[in-house]
């Protein structure tokens, strides 16, 4: 016997989703497709997007509309670009446009009023939640929107997020490195802004980090953590790349990284302290090939795994 249109259980789900429910969620509660259609026909459900409904009485809102698109796009769809910027409270005043959403490659989303993007580079660090809506992280949002915002708009949006303590400059930097590729205007804008805000930030070192990450990925090795913080006593260190669970640190030194004796001594002292604390420290320079880097990292991972 099909369930009566008793909405107490669906209401509990909808309450967490801006009044929305999906067809799979309703089916999981025992609803048949016929029951769902009848509820939509009777006005007890309101169709928002394919497979997405609002409960009768749920007040329409922009947040509801954004979440409806994400739900229609599948489990990996998240709000992005201008929609994400608005969710994080950093969108330019008066900006309007369609709802932006990003999905993994192969997920084609064609909906009216929706600007769909695809990305194969959407890891856990690039995704968050805001107002109960899955969305790109603040750092990823800044990088994605920089091309459209321009230099001045990017600076304003980044300042807004920094003041709200929603993002750190190092998170933006790490995101920039993950997404780096030729010919992307938004990356150029973000690089310039980071160079202005991060004293001493060396773009050549960033390029070396990009090369290292690409080589590691191409070799099929597990991806390391970027800018990993290590606390040893009263000292705090940031490793360029690290495998924390294996206690492996990867240091990448650009040509000018040791431009003075103080920096040289400081780096040697840090490497010594990390080694004494049980970390394996691998140092590379721009002269090292990707093959040499991969070979050393693979050996370090194998050695650390045997010890464990």
Foldseek 3Di string as FASTA:
>chain_A
DADDVDCPVVVVVCVLQLQKDFQVRVVVVVHDPVNVVVCCVVQQWPDLDVRMTGGRPRDDDPSNNLQRQQVVQDDAKFFAAQQQLVLLPQHDPPDDFATEIEGEPPRDDDDPRYDYHYDPQCDPLQWDDGPSGIHGALLNRLLRHQVVLDLVSSLRSVVVCVVVVRDDLVSNLVNLLSPDDPPDVSSVSSVVVSPVVPPPDDVQQSVQLSQLQVLCVVVVHDFWDAQDWDDDPPDIDTARTDDVVLQEGEHEAEPCQPVDPVSVVVVVVVVVSSVVVPHHYHYDYPVDDSVVSNVVVVVSVVVSVVVD
